[in-house]
Protein backbone atom coordinates (compact mmCIF):
# COMPACT_ATOMS: atom_id res chain seq x y z
CA MET A 1 47.65 -2.82 137.51
CA LYS A 2 46.86 -6.08 135.80
CA CYS A 3 46.16 -4.07 132.63
CA CYS A 4 49.20 -2.09 132.54
CA PHE A 5 51.09 -5.21 132.91
CA ASN A 6 49.74 -6.90 130.10
CA LYS A 7 50.18 -4.03 128.08
CA TRP A 8 53.86 -3.66 128.87
CA LEU A 9 54.02 -7.53 128.13
CA ARG A 10 52.52 -7.25 124.77
CA SER A 11 54.62 -4.50 123.88
CA PHE A 12 57.61 -6.29 124.84
CA LEU A 13 56.70 -9.20 122.99
CA VAL A 14 56.01 -7.40 119.94
CA LEU A 15 59.24 -5.40 120.03
CA VAL A 16 61.17 -8.65 120.57
CA THR A 17 59.53 -10.44 117.52
CA VAL A 18 60.25 -7.20 115.66
CA VAL A 19 63.93 -7.29 116.54
CA LEU A 20 64.04 -11.24 115.85
CA VAL A 21 62.35 -10.52 112.29
CA LEU A 22 64.86 -8.05 111.39
CA PHE A 23 67.83 -10.19 112.54
CA CYS A 24 66.37 -13.04 110.65
CA THR A 25 65.65 -11.11 107.38
CA TYR A 26 69.32 -10.03 107.09
CA ASP A 27 70.85 -13.35 108.32
CA TRP A 28 69.05 -16.75 108.77
CA TRP A 29 66.58 -16.43 106.08
CA THR A 30 68.75 -14.82 103.36
CA LEU A 31 72.36 -15.79 103.14
CA PRO A 32 73.17 -19.73 103.32
CA SER A 33 76.16 -21.19 105.32
CA VAL A 34 79.35 -21.71 103.45
CA VAL A 35 80.05 -25.39 101.82
CA PRO A 36 83.50 -26.26 102.55
CA ALA A 37 85.96 -27.48 99.82
CA THR A 38 86.01 -30.96 101.35
CA GLU A 39 82.32 -31.51 100.11
CA ILE A 40 82.66 -32.42 96.48
CA SER A 41 78.91 -33.24 96.03
CA HIS A 42 77.88 -29.42 96.28
CA PHE A 43 78.60 -26.15 95.34
CA SER A 44 81.25 -24.94 97.40
CA ALA A 45 82.34 -20.98 97.99
CA GLU A 46 85.61 -22.20 99.10
CA ARG A 47 86.53 -23.99 96.00
CA ALA A 48 85.17 -21.22 94.04
CA ALA A 49 87.45 -18.85 95.78
CA LYS A 50 90.45 -20.70 94.83
CA ASP A 51 89.67 -19.64 91.00
CA LEU A 52 88.82 -16.23 92.26
CA GLU A 53 92.44 -15.85 93.92
CA VAL A 54 93.79 -16.28 90.60
CA ILE A 55 91.50 -14.50 88.61
CA ALA A 56 92.17 -11.45 90.73
CA GLN A 57 95.67 -11.20 91.41
CA GLU A 58 96.03 -8.14 89.45
CA PRO A 59 93.85 -5.48 87.52
CA HIS A 60 92.82 -7.28 83.88
CA SER A 61 91.07 -4.61 81.98
CA VAL A 62 91.19 -3.60 78.27
CA GLU A 63 93.94 -1.43 79.20
CA HIS A 64 96.28 -4.35 80.92
CA PRO A 65 96.31 -6.90 78.03
CA GLN A 66 99.06 -9.02 79.32
CA ALA A 67 97.09 -9.56 82.75
CA ARG A 68 93.88 -9.98 80.66
CA SER A 69 95.82 -12.69 78.65
CA LYS A 70 96.64 -14.68 81.56
CA VAL A 71 93.01 -14.63 83.11
CA ARG A 72 91.95 -15.87 79.64
CA ASP A 73 94.26 -18.83 79.49
CA TYR A 74 93.51 -19.53 82.99
CA LEU A 75 89.97 -19.84 82.41
CA ALA A 76 90.23 -21.75 78.96
CA ASN A 77 92.71 -24.30 80.60
CA ARG A 78 90.18 -24.99 83.67
CA LEU A 79 87.46 -25.50 81.11
CA GLU A 80 89.47 -28.02 78.96
CA GLU A 81 90.64 -29.65 82.17
CA MET A 82 87.04 -30.39 83.14
CA GLY A 83 86.46 -31.87 79.62
CA GLY A 84 85.21 -28.83 77.87
CA THR A 85 85.65 -28.46 74.09
CA VAL A 86 87.13 -24.99 74.28
CA THR A 87 87.52 -22.00 71.49
CA ILE A 88 88.95 -18.80 71.69
CA TYR A 89 87.32 -16.24 69.43
CA PRO A 90 89.48 -13.36 68.98
CA PHE A 91 88.26 -9.92 67.64
CA ASP A 92 90.72 -6.89 66.33
CA SER A 93 90.45 -3.11 66.23
CA ILE A 94 87.85 -2.42 69.27
CA ALA A 95 87.41 1.30 69.95
CA PHE A 96 88.36 2.20 73.41
CA ARG A 97 85.55 4.88 74.64
CA PHE A 98 88.86 7.14 75.66
CA GLY A 99 90.44 6.79 72.40
CA GLY A 100 92.62 4.17 70.60
CA THR A 101 91.86 0.46 69.66
CA TYR A 102 92.64 -2.88 71.04
CA SER A 103 92.08 -6.65 70.62
CA ILE A 104 89.96 -8.74 72.90
CA GLY A 105 89.19 -12.51 72.52
CA ASN A 106 86.03 -14.42 74.00
CA VAL A 107 86.41 -17.87 75.53
CA TYR A 108 83.69 -20.51 74.52
CA ALA A 109 83.50 -23.91 75.72
CA GLU A 110 80.55 -26.69 75.33
CA PHE A 111 79.97 -29.74 77.43
CA ALA A 112 77.63 -32.73 76.01
CA PRO A 113 75.93 -35.70 77.59
CA GLN A 114 77.82 -38.63 77.68
CA GLU A 115 75.65 -40.95 75.33
CA SER A 116 73.33 -38.54 73.32
CA ASP A 117 73.55 -35.23 71.37
CA PRO A 118 71.76 -32.75 73.03
CA GLN A 119 68.82 -30.65 71.54
CA ALA A 120 69.12 -27.96 73.83
CA TYR A 121 71.82 -26.33 75.87
CA VAL A 122 72.06 -23.83 79.01
CA LEU A 123 74.49 -21.07 78.21
CA PHE A 124 76.52 -19.51 81.10
CA ILE A 125 77.63 -15.90 80.25
CA ALA A 126 80.38 -13.99 82.57
CA HIS A 127 82.73 -11.39 81.65
CA MET A 128 86.46 -11.66 82.19
CA ASP A 129 87.48 -8.17 82.15
CA SER A 130 87.82 -5.74 85.14
CA ARG A 131 87.03 -2.31 84.87
CA PHE A 132 89.22 0.21 83.30
CA ARG A 133 90.38 3.34 84.86
CA GLN A 134 87.74 4.99 87.26
CA GLN A 135 87.86 8.40 88.66
CA VAL A 136 87.01 7.90 92.61
CA LEU A 137 87.00 11.67 94.04
CA ASP A 138 90.29 12.80 93.47
CA LYS A 139 92.32 9.76 92.32
CA THR A 140 92.16 7.52 89.37
CA VAL A 141 91.84 3.54 90.38
CA TYR A 142 91.91 0.22 88.57
CA SER A 143 89.42 -2.56 89.70
CA TYR A 144 91.05 -6.13 90.47
CA GLY A 145 87.58 -7.52 89.11
CA ALA A 146 87.23 -9.96 92.12
CA ALA A 147 83.42 -9.38 92.17
CA ASP A 148 82.80 -7.62 88.71
CA ASP A 149 82.91 -10.30 87.46
CA GLY A 150 85.11 -12.47 89.18
CA TYR A 151 82.22 -13.87 91.22
CA GLY A 152 80.62 -15.01 87.86
CA LEU A 153 83.68 -16.56 86.38
CA ALA A 154 84.21 -18.50 89.60
CA VAL A 155 80.79 -19.48 90.03
CA THR A 156 80.31 -20.99 86.58
CA LEU A 157 83.28 -23.06 87.14
CA GLU A 158 82.16 -24.35 90.00
CA LEU A 159 78.70 -25.15 88.72
CA VAL A 160 79.95 -26.69 85.71
CA ARG A 161 82.39 -28.97 87.89
CA ASP A 162 79.44 -29.71 90.11
CA ALA A 163 77.12 -30.88 87.19
CA LEU A 164 79.99 -33.01 85.76
CA LEU A 165 79.39 -35.50 89.02
CA TYR A 166 75.81 -36.42 87.09
CA GLN A 167 76.76 -35.89 83.39
CA ALA A 168 75.41 -39.48 82.77
CA ASP A 169 71.91 -38.02 83.66
CA TRP A 170 71.98 -35.06 81.30
CA LYS A 171 69.62 -34.89 78.91
CA GLN A 172 70.85 -31.15 77.64
CA GLY A 173 74.38 -29.83 77.47
CA ILE A 174 76.08 -26.80 78.87
CA LYS A 175 77.54 -23.90 77.06
CA VAL A 176 80.15 -21.42 78.50
CA LEU A 177 81.05 -18.03 77.16
CA PHE A 178 83.28 -15.61 78.99
CA THR A 179 83.13 -12.44 77.35
CA ASP A 180 86.00 -9.83 77.00
CA SER A 181 85.35 -5.84 76.80
CA GLU A 182 82.13 -6.19 78.49
CA GLU A 183 82.86 -3.31 80.58
CA ASN A 184 83.77 -0.90 77.63
CA ASP A 185 80.89 -1.39 75.30
CA LEU A 186 79.66 -4.90 75.67
CA ASP A 187 81.98 -5.43 72.98
CA GLY A 188 82.35 -9.56 73.30
CA ILE A 189 78.91 -10.27 73.43
CA ARG A 190 78.22 -8.09 70.32
CA LYS A 191 80.80 -9.35 68.35
CA MET A 192 80.05 -12.83 69.01
CA LEU A 193 76.50 -11.95 67.61
CA GLU A 194 77.72 -10.03 64.78
CA VAL A 195 80.51 -12.73 63.92
CA HIS A 196 79.62 -16.09 65.26
CA PRO A 197 76.00 -16.25 65.95
CA SER A 198 75.89 -19.94 66.23
CA PHE A 199 77.01 -19.75 69.76
CA LEU A 200 73.19 -19.51 70.38
CA ASP A 201 72.14 -22.59 68.58
CA ARG A 202 69.75 -24.99 70.39
CA VAL A 203 70.19 -22.48 73.57
CA GLY A 204 67.07 -23.13 75.71
CA LEU A 205 67.83 -21.38 78.77
CA ILE A 206 70.69 -18.35 79.50
CA VAL A 207 72.11 -17.76 82.89
CA ASN A 208 74.15 -14.38 83.16
CA LEU A 209 76.26 -13.78 86.39
CA GLU A 210 77.14 -10.09 87.30
CA ALA A 211 78.15 -8.28 90.68
CA ARG A 212 77.23 -4.70 91.42
CA GLY A 213 78.81 -4.94 94.97
CA VAL A 214 80.84 -7.57 96.65
CA LYS A 215 78.69 -8.97 99.38
CA GLY A 216 74.75 -9.09 100.65
CA PRO A 217 72.30 -11.36 99.12
CA VAL A 218 72.34 -12.16 95.44
CA LEU A 219 69.31 -11.19 93.66
CA LEU A 220 67.51 -12.68 90.63
CA PHE A 221 67.38 -9.13 89.46
CA GLU A 222 66.44 -9.29 85.72
CA THR A 223 64.51 -12.04 83.25
CA SER A 224 63.75 -12.35 79.95
CA ASP A 225 60.76 -11.21 78.23
CA ALA A 226 57.57 -13.26 79.04
CA ASN A 227 59.17 -14.87 82.05
CA ALA A 228 56.38 -17.06 83.39
CA ARG A 229 57.83 -20.57 82.89
CA VAL A 230 61.47 -19.30 83.31
CA MET A 231 60.17 -18.34 86.91
CA ASP A 232 58.28 -21.42 87.25
CA LEU A 233 61.69 -23.14 86.75
CA TYR A 234 63.14 -20.87 89.45
CA ALA A 235 60.41 -21.03 91.99
CA GLN A 236 60.43 -24.91 92.09
CA THR A 237 64.24 -25.52 92.42
CA ALA A 238 66.11 -22.39 93.74
CA GLN A 239 66.91 -22.33 97.50
CA LYS A 240 67.13 -19.06 99.49
CA PRO A 241 65.39 -17.34 96.61
CA VAL A 242 65.65 -13.60 96.34
CA THR A 243 64.09 -11.94 93.64
CA TYR A 244 61.30 -8.99 92.78
CA SER A 245 59.73 -8.54 89.45
CA LEU A 246 59.84 -4.87 90.10
CA THR A 247 63.55 -4.89 89.58
CA SER A 248 63.23 -5.89 86.00
CA VAL A 249 61.05 -2.84 85.68
CA VAL A 250 63.58 -0.45 87.50
CA TYR A 251 66.50 -1.91 85.61
CA ARG A 252 65.10 -0.81 82.44
CA MET A 253 65.08 2.81 83.77
CA MET A 254 68.71 2.68 84.94
CA PRO A 255 71.98 3.38 82.89
CA ASN A 256 73.13 0.08 83.34
CA PHE A 257 73.76 -3.02 80.74
CA THR A 258 75.09 -6.52 80.89
CA ASP A 259 75.62 -9.07 78.17
CA PHE A 260 72.23 -10.23 79.05
CA THR A 261 70.82 -7.05 77.67
CA GLU A 262 71.53 -8.20 74.07
CA LEU A 263 69.88 -11.57 74.58
CA LYS A 264 66.85 -10.87 76.75
CA THR A 265 64.03 -10.35 74.27
CA ASP A 266 64.90 -13.43 72.32
CA TYR A 267 65.95 -16.16 74.67
CA PRO A 268 64.47 -17.07 78.20
CA GLY A 269 67.11 -16.60 81.00
CA VAL A 270 67.69 -14.94 84.36
CA ASN A 271 70.24 -12.28 85.45
CA PHE A 272 71.96 -12.88 88.79
CA SER A 273 73.86 -10.09 90.71
CA CYS A 274 75.03 -9.27 94.39
CA LEU A 275 74.45 -5.50 94.99
CA GLU A 276 75.27 -4.34 98.32
CA ASN A 277 78.29 -1.77 98.89
CA ILE A 278 78.73 0.24 95.67
CA ASN A 279 81.48 2.18 96.93
CA TYR A 280 83.60 -0.95 96.16
CA TYR A 281 81.89 -1.55 92.59
CA HIS A 282 84.64 -0.73 89.61
CA THR A 283 87.40 0.35 92.45
CA ASP A 284 90.35 -0.92 93.52
CA LEU A 285 88.61 -2.14 96.71
CA ASP A 286 87.08 -4.54 94.61
CA CYS A 287 90.00 -6.89 95.19
CA PHE A 288 90.09 -10.65 96.72
CA ASP A 289 91.19 -9.48 100.29
CA ASN A 290 87.01 -8.15 100.08
CA ILE A 291 85.48 -10.99 98.68
CA ASN A 292 82.50 -12.59 100.62
CA LEU A 293 81.91 -16.25 100.73
CA GLU A 294 78.36 -16.35 101.86
CA THR A 295 77.48 -13.98 98.89
CA ILE A 296 79.36 -16.48 96.47
CA GLN A 297 77.51 -19.30 98.39
CA HIS A 298 74.45 -17.67 97.65
CA TYR A 299 74.72 -17.61 93.75
CA GLY A 300 75.19 -21.38 94.12
CA THR A 301 72.24 -22.16 96.64
CA GLN A 302 69.98 -20.68 94.00
CA ILE A 303 71.53 -21.73 90.55
CA GLU A 304 72.85 -25.40 91.48
CA PRO A 305 69.22 -26.98 91.80
CA LEU A 306 67.87 -25.06 89.21
CA LEU A 307 70.65 -26.25 86.79
CA GLU A 308 70.34 -29.86 88.13
CA ARG A 309 66.61 -29.65 87.30
CA TYR A 310 67.38 -28.27 83.59
CA MET A 311 70.10 -30.82 82.78
CA THR A 312 68.21 -34.06 83.52
CA ASP A 313 64.72 -33.42 82.91
CA ALA A 314 63.78 -34.41 79.49
CA ALA A 315 61.00 -32.00 79.37
CA TYR A 316 63.43 -29.16 78.57
CA ALA A 317 65.00 -31.26 75.39
CA ASP A 318 63.18 -28.79 73.24
CA PRO A 319 64.70 -25.36 73.28
CA SER A 320 61.66 -23.65 73.20
CA ALA A 321 60.19 -25.55 76.36
CA LEU A 322 61.05 -22.20 78.50
CA ARG A 323 59.78 -19.33 76.07
CA GLY A 324 56.52 -18.18 77.64
CA GLU A 325 53.91 -15.70 76.42
CA GLN A 326 53.37 -13.76 79.48
CA ASP A 327 55.08 -12.05 82.54
CA ALA A 328 54.81 -13.42 85.93
CA VAL A 329 54.66 -11.11 89.05
CA PHE A 330 56.62 -12.38 91.85
CA PHE A 331 58.37 -11.09 95.15
CA THR A 332 60.31 -12.84 97.91
CA LEU A 333 59.15 -13.09 101.58
CA PRO A 334 61.89 -14.21 104.09
CA GLY A 335 61.25 -17.52 105.60
CA LEU A 336 58.03 -17.81 103.50
CA GLY A 337 59.76 -18.20 100.18
CA LEU A 338 58.56 -17.12 96.60
CA ILE A 339 55.15 -15.61 95.78
CA LYS A 340 54.56 -15.71 92.25
CA LEU A 341 51.39 -14.74 90.17
CA THR A 342 50.40 -14.79 86.55
CA PRO A 343 49.03 -11.52 85.24
CA ALA A 344 45.33 -12.79 85.64
CA GLN A 345 46.33 -13.94 89.21
CA ASN A 346 47.69 -10.46 89.65
CA ARG A 347 44.65 -8.56 88.27
CA CYS A 348 42.60 -10.53 90.66
CA PHE A 349 44.82 -9.93 93.70
CA THR A 350 44.66 -6.29 93.06
CA LEU A 351 40.91 -6.29 92.60
CA VAL A 352 40.18 -8.50 95.84
CA THR A 353 42.68 -6.31 97.85
CA LEU A 354 40.92 -3.27 97.09
CA LEU A 355 37.52 -4.55 97.64
CA LEU A 356 38.59 -5.91 101.13
CA ALA A 357 40.32 -2.45 101.63
CA ILE A 358 36.73 -0.64 100.56
CA LEU A 359 35.20 -3.29 103.08
CA ALA A 360 37.32 -2.23 105.96
CA ILE A 361 36.90 1.69 105.44
CA SER A 362 33.26 1.21 105.10
CA LEU A 363 33.08 -0.82 108.33
CA SER A 364 35.13 1.61 110.30
CA LEU A 365 32.79 4.36 109.17
CA LYS A 366 29.60 2.61 109.77
CA LEU A 367 30.84 1.51 113.35
CA ARG A 368 32.26 5.08 114.05
CA VAL A 369 35.53 4.03 114.72
CA VAL A 370 36.76 7.05 112.20
CA ARG A 371 35.35 10.05 110.93
CA ALA A 372 34.59 10.45 107.39
CA LYS A 373 36.05 14.08 107.29
CA GLN A 374 38.94 13.37 109.35
CA LEU A 375 39.69 10.27 107.02
CA LEU A 376 40.05 12.28 103.93
CA LEU A 377 41.93 15.17 105.44
CA LYS A 378 44.48 12.53 106.86
CA SER A 379 44.78 10.80 103.55
CA LEU A 380 45.70 13.94 101.94
CA TRP A 381 47.68 15.05 104.77
CA ILE A 382 49.45 11.59 104.57
CA LEU A 383 50.44 11.98 101.03
CA LEU A 384 51.39 15.55 101.50
CA TRP A 385 54.02 14.61 104.49
CA GLY A 386 55.34 11.61 102.43
CA VAL A 387 56.22 13.96 99.45
CA GLY A 388 57.96 16.44 101.82
CA ILE A 389 59.83 13.37 103.03
CA LEU A 390 60.67 12.19 99.69
CA VAL A 391 61.85 15.78 98.65
CA ALA A 392 63.78 16.22 102.02
CA GLY A 393 65.50 12.78 101.75
CA GLU A 394 66.64 13.64 98.01
CA GLY A 395 67.66 17.25 98.98
CA LEU A 396 69.86 15.69 101.82
CA VAL A 397 71.63 13.30 99.60
CA TRP A 398 72.01 16.11 97.00
CA LEU A 399 73.55 18.15 99.65
CA LEU A 400 75.87 15.48 100.77
CA ALA A 401 77.01 14.71 97.36
CA ARG A 402 78.26 18.29 96.72
CA LEU A 403 79.91 18.64 99.95
CA VAL A 404 82.00 15.17 99.25
CA GLY A 405 82.33 15.97 95.85
CA THR A 406 80.66 13.34 93.84
CA PRO A 407 78.15 13.31 91.13
CA PHE A 408 74.47 13.04 92.56
CA SER A 409 72.36 10.08 90.73
CA LEU A 410 68.90 9.03 91.89
CA THR A 411 70.32 5.27 90.88
CA ALA A 412 74.24 5.57 91.20
CA THR A 413 75.16 7.94 94.01
CA LYS A 414 78.56 6.61 94.99
CA PHE A 415 81.31 7.31 97.39
CA ILE A 416 79.18 9.27 100.38
CA PRO A 417 80.64 8.05 103.69
CA MET A 418 78.43 6.01 106.00
CA ASP A 419 75.73 5.86 103.37
CA GLN A 420 73.95 3.17 104.93
CA GLY A 421 74.45 5.05 108.04
CA TRP A 422 72.78 8.09 106.60
CA PHE A 423 69.96 5.83 105.37
CA LEU A 424 69.53 3.85 108.78
CA GLY A 425 69.53 7.09 110.83
CA SER A 426 66.78 8.46 108.75
CA VAL A 427 64.68 5.67 109.47
CA ALA A 428 65.39 5.58 113.02
CA LEU A 429 64.55 9.49 113.17
CA LEU A 430 61.40 8.82 110.64
CA LEU A 431 60.04 6.12 113.10
CA ALA A 432 61.00 8.13 116.27
CA ALA A 433 58.83 11.04 114.73
CA ILE A 434 55.69 8.89 114.18
CA VAL A 435 55.65 6.90 117.45
CA GLY A 436 56.08 10.20 119.38
CA THR A 437 53.15 11.92 117.14
CA TYR A 438 51.13 8.86 118.74
CA LEU A 439 52.29 9.32 122.33
CA ARG A 440 51.31 12.96 122.22
CA ARG A 441 47.65 12.06 121.10
CA GLY A 442 46.94 10.96 125.13
CA ALA A 443 43.23 10.21 125.20
CA LYS A 444 42.61 10.78 121.74
CA ARG A 445 45.06 7.97 120.60
CA GLU A 446 42.87 5.46 119.55
CA TRP A 447 40.92 7.70 117.22
CA PHE A 448 43.97 8.83 115.68
CA ALA A 449 45.15 5.13 115.33
CA ASN A 450 42.08 4.10 113.71
CA GLU A 451 41.85 6.95 111.33
CA THR A 452 45.75 6.89 110.41
CA LEU A 453 45.46 3.18 109.46
CA CYS A 454 42.14 3.63 107.42
CA ALA A 455 43.91 6.71 105.60
CA SER A 456 47.10 5.02 105.01
CA LEU A 457 45.17 2.37 103.41
CA ILE A 458 43.47 4.58 101.08
CA VAL A 459 46.95 6.27 100.16
CA LEU A 460 48.34 2.87 99.59
CA SER A 461 45.39 1.63 97.56
CA VAL A 462 45.62 4.55 95.36
CA LEU A 463 49.35 4.41 94.68
CA GLY A 464 48.98 0.59 94.29
CA GLY A 465 46.04 1.11 91.48
CA GLY A 466 48.26 3.66 89.81
CA MET A 467 51.56 1.53 89.87
CA THR A 468 49.27 -1.25 88.43
CA LEU A 469 48.08 0.92 85.38
CA ALA A 470 51.37 2.39 84.78
CA PHE A 471 53.82 -0.74 85.26
CA GLY A 472 51.72 -3.93 86.19
CA GLU A 473 53.81 -3.81 89.61
CA ASN A 474 51.92 -3.30 92.90
CA PHE A 475 52.67 -5.71 95.63
CA PHE A 476 55.10 -3.31 97.43
CA PHE A 477 51.75 -1.22 98.04
CA LEU A 478 48.90 -3.65 98.00
CA PHE A 479 50.27 -6.37 100.16
CA PRO A 480 50.29 -4.36 103.27
CA VAL A 481 46.85 -3.35 101.94
CA LEU A 482 45.43 -6.70 101.93
CA VAL A 483 46.82 -8.17 105.02
CA THR A 484 46.08 -5.24 107.07
CA SER A 485 42.45 -4.93 105.65
CA VAL A 486 41.91 -8.73 106.74
CA ALA A 487 43.33 -7.89 109.80
CA TRP A 488 41.50 -4.72 110.54
CA VAL A 489 38.16 -6.33 109.48
CA PHE A 490 38.70 -9.34 111.86
CA TYR A 491 39.67 -6.85 114.70
CA LEU A 492 36.36 -4.78 114.11
CA PHE A 493 34.19 -7.58 114.55
CA PHE A 494 36.19 -9.93 117.28
CA ASP A 495 38.73 -7.73 119.03
CA LEU A 496 41.29 -10.37 117.90
CA MET A 497 44.99 -8.94 118.51
CA LEU A 498 46.61 -12.05 117.23
CA VAL A 499 45.43 -11.12 113.55
CA ASN A 500 46.95 -7.68 114.13
CA TRP A 501 50.15 -9.27 115.39
CA VAL A 502 50.41 -11.64 112.00
CA ALA A 503 49.81 -8.42 110.15
CA LEU A 504 52.49 -6.50 111.40
CA LEU A 505 54.88 -9.23 111.24
CA LEU A 506 54.07 -10.08 107.39
CA ASN A 507 54.23 -6.32 106.58
CA LEU A 508 57.54 -6.13 108.50
CA LEU A 509 58.91 -9.42 106.47
CA LEU A 510 58.18 -7.67 103.17
CA ALA A 511 59.13 -4.16 104.10
CA ALA A 512 62.22 -4.93 105.83
CA SER A 513 63.60 -7.01 103.21
CA PHE A 514 62.04 -5.33 99.90
CA LEU A 515 63.23 -1.98 101.03
CA TYR A 516 66.79 -2.53 102.17
CA ASN A 517 67.56 -4.49 98.76
CA LEU A 518 65.89 -1.59 97.11
CA PHE A 519 68.09 0.72 98.92
CA ILE A 520 71.30 -1.15 98.22
CA ALA A 521 70.14 -1.74 94.54
CA LEU A 522 69.01 2.21 93.71
CA THR A 523 71.79 3.36 96.11
CA ILE A 524 71.63 6.39 98.33
CA GLY A 525 70.70 8.41 95.58
CA ALA A 526 67.08 7.02 95.99
CA MET A 527 67.11 7.56 99.70
CA GLY A 528 64.00 10.24 99.51
CA VAL A 529 62.06 7.77 97.60
CA ILE A 530 62.79 4.87 99.79
CA LEU A 531 61.91 6.80 103.02
CA PHE A 532 58.56 7.62 101.18
CA LEU A 533 57.86 4.00 100.97
CA VAL A 534 59.35 3.64 104.88
CA PHE A 535 56.70 6.22 105.90
CA LEU A 536 53.68 4.54 104.18
CA ASN A 537 54.57 1.19 105.54
CA ALA A 538 55.60 2.50 109.01
CA LEU A 539 52.09 4.44 109.43
CA VAL A 540 50.22 0.92 109.01
CA MET A 541 52.72 -1.19 111.46
CA VAL A 542 52.60 1.39 114.28
CA ALA A 543 48.87 1.76 113.94
CA LEU A 544 48.66 -1.91 114.40
CA PHE A 545 51.37 -1.87 117.17
CA VAL A 546 48.86 0.67 119.12
CA LYS A 547 45.91 -1.63 118.58
CA ILE A 548 47.95 -4.62 119.72
CA ILE A 549 48.73 -2.87 123.09
CA ARG A 550 45.59 -1.32 123.48
CA LEU A 551 42.70 -3.34 122.83
CA LYS A 552 39.51 -1.75 121.59
CA ALA A 553 37.25 -0.30 124.51
């Protein structure tokens, strides 16, 4: 009776901890509290929203020249009121993708230290035009540009206002470029590079601000090439960071571009965006009524301290101070912060992880808690089941897209009703199937758990090694291998339940945040791919759970 009670107590405690981790992943540890407008010494989403209310009054795409002119004048006046030296750069005869031509005008401003001529600048970039006509199923709509890119415009204005409070301490200056016609063909930034490239003189850091949704966490989703020094600055300063170096790899494969695309190979920089709810993106639902203050605050929470360090530290007086020679590998663990590795450290991490996996599996075979033949067969079955889940998930989304009448895309499937519901329901069904399989094993459950855990380590290690060779990115495969291998070795020798518990929670922290952010970034179109990753992670975590509630005999 006591053994049964302890098992149920452990099960209850683990499940409660899992629920708390999931809740904290999407709330306490990710999005910040909104700073009220009455607090003048820090970035305030409420103040930014006041600018946003003006910017997003009406659609202001390249098809709305008068509305766009109002937004342009408003932005120029705001920058002048703050003391900036403002210039409007007009360009004529811009070709529209649907035919005809039009005129555009970029807004550019400079802010210098009070008592010196700066040798370096930070350049903020956001675009002022909203999306032109967009077909949403059976109707044509226009975006109000509240998030895309009203968030970028309003956040920039609020960041500059905040920085001016300590202007006496500036060592560097600020440049602001609000581009026009970004949505058409990056026309504003391309014309500046062609006709007025001097706007980049002495620029040592670029901060580009975008939005691909209207809510959720703000990701540093793209960096400049050779980003190690830029990421050092971000890691040392940003609060509530959310970033994965993998997203830069994925973004290169997606048919998406921003103004930063034209600059990232030559200038150190970072590119931020919120990603949640692509169904609002470029539609009439991207309006002021649907803005999210916590998301706007998250831009400021990450960028405000980074900006202050850059502006006041003489180490960045050289425009080349952040130019690096290598890329960093990094990812975020909610509550634990940013983990950043140099390429050499990442190679070491990979080697140590694979050696630990080999050690864990070798010990399992030597201690006869797994069977070699069954282990190899189970590894193959796991891989085959994973591929089957991937194909089934993609097939389901393709079918849903056909039924709704929206184009299917691996990275941009939109307008499927309850897309997050389909995803979460599929995850729940997958987890139920895995748990149900364990429950049916009865007396063989412990053998099954041992062999499933070790086989999952083999599959994850092989995939992680392949990703390392192909892309230099492997954390989402090898991090679970590392923590689980360490826990398994301790368990084999000492029967320590606690290490399995810690491994379970660390795996859950990474998987819950990363896989959900990957889902909102890639959209429901990649649901099969993400379910494949969920499947591999879930096999390890359920096996750990079984070992926690059922100690080794």
